[in-house]
């Protein structure tokens, strides 16, 4: 499902398992640590572009943790997100 037209505050879902894939990614989270399993619900904070490649869209998202508290904000590529909840 398309992510076009999403606004800050909209709900999104992890289309795949998301990991802290860079050493200086999410502070206080080990490289390779799971940030959000596939299907995890999150809230869109902002939509932006990569400065060196303005055609590339990046989404700033906070995903719910197991305790229902929002985790740290992370940058996601369009193929890492979906606007549809996972099938039950």
Foldseek 3Di string as FASTA:
>chain_A
DDPPPDDFFAKKWFQAWDFQCDCPFDPPHHHGHTQHHGQFMWTWHDWAADPVGRVFIWTWIFTQDPVRDTDHTGIDGRVRIGNDGDDD
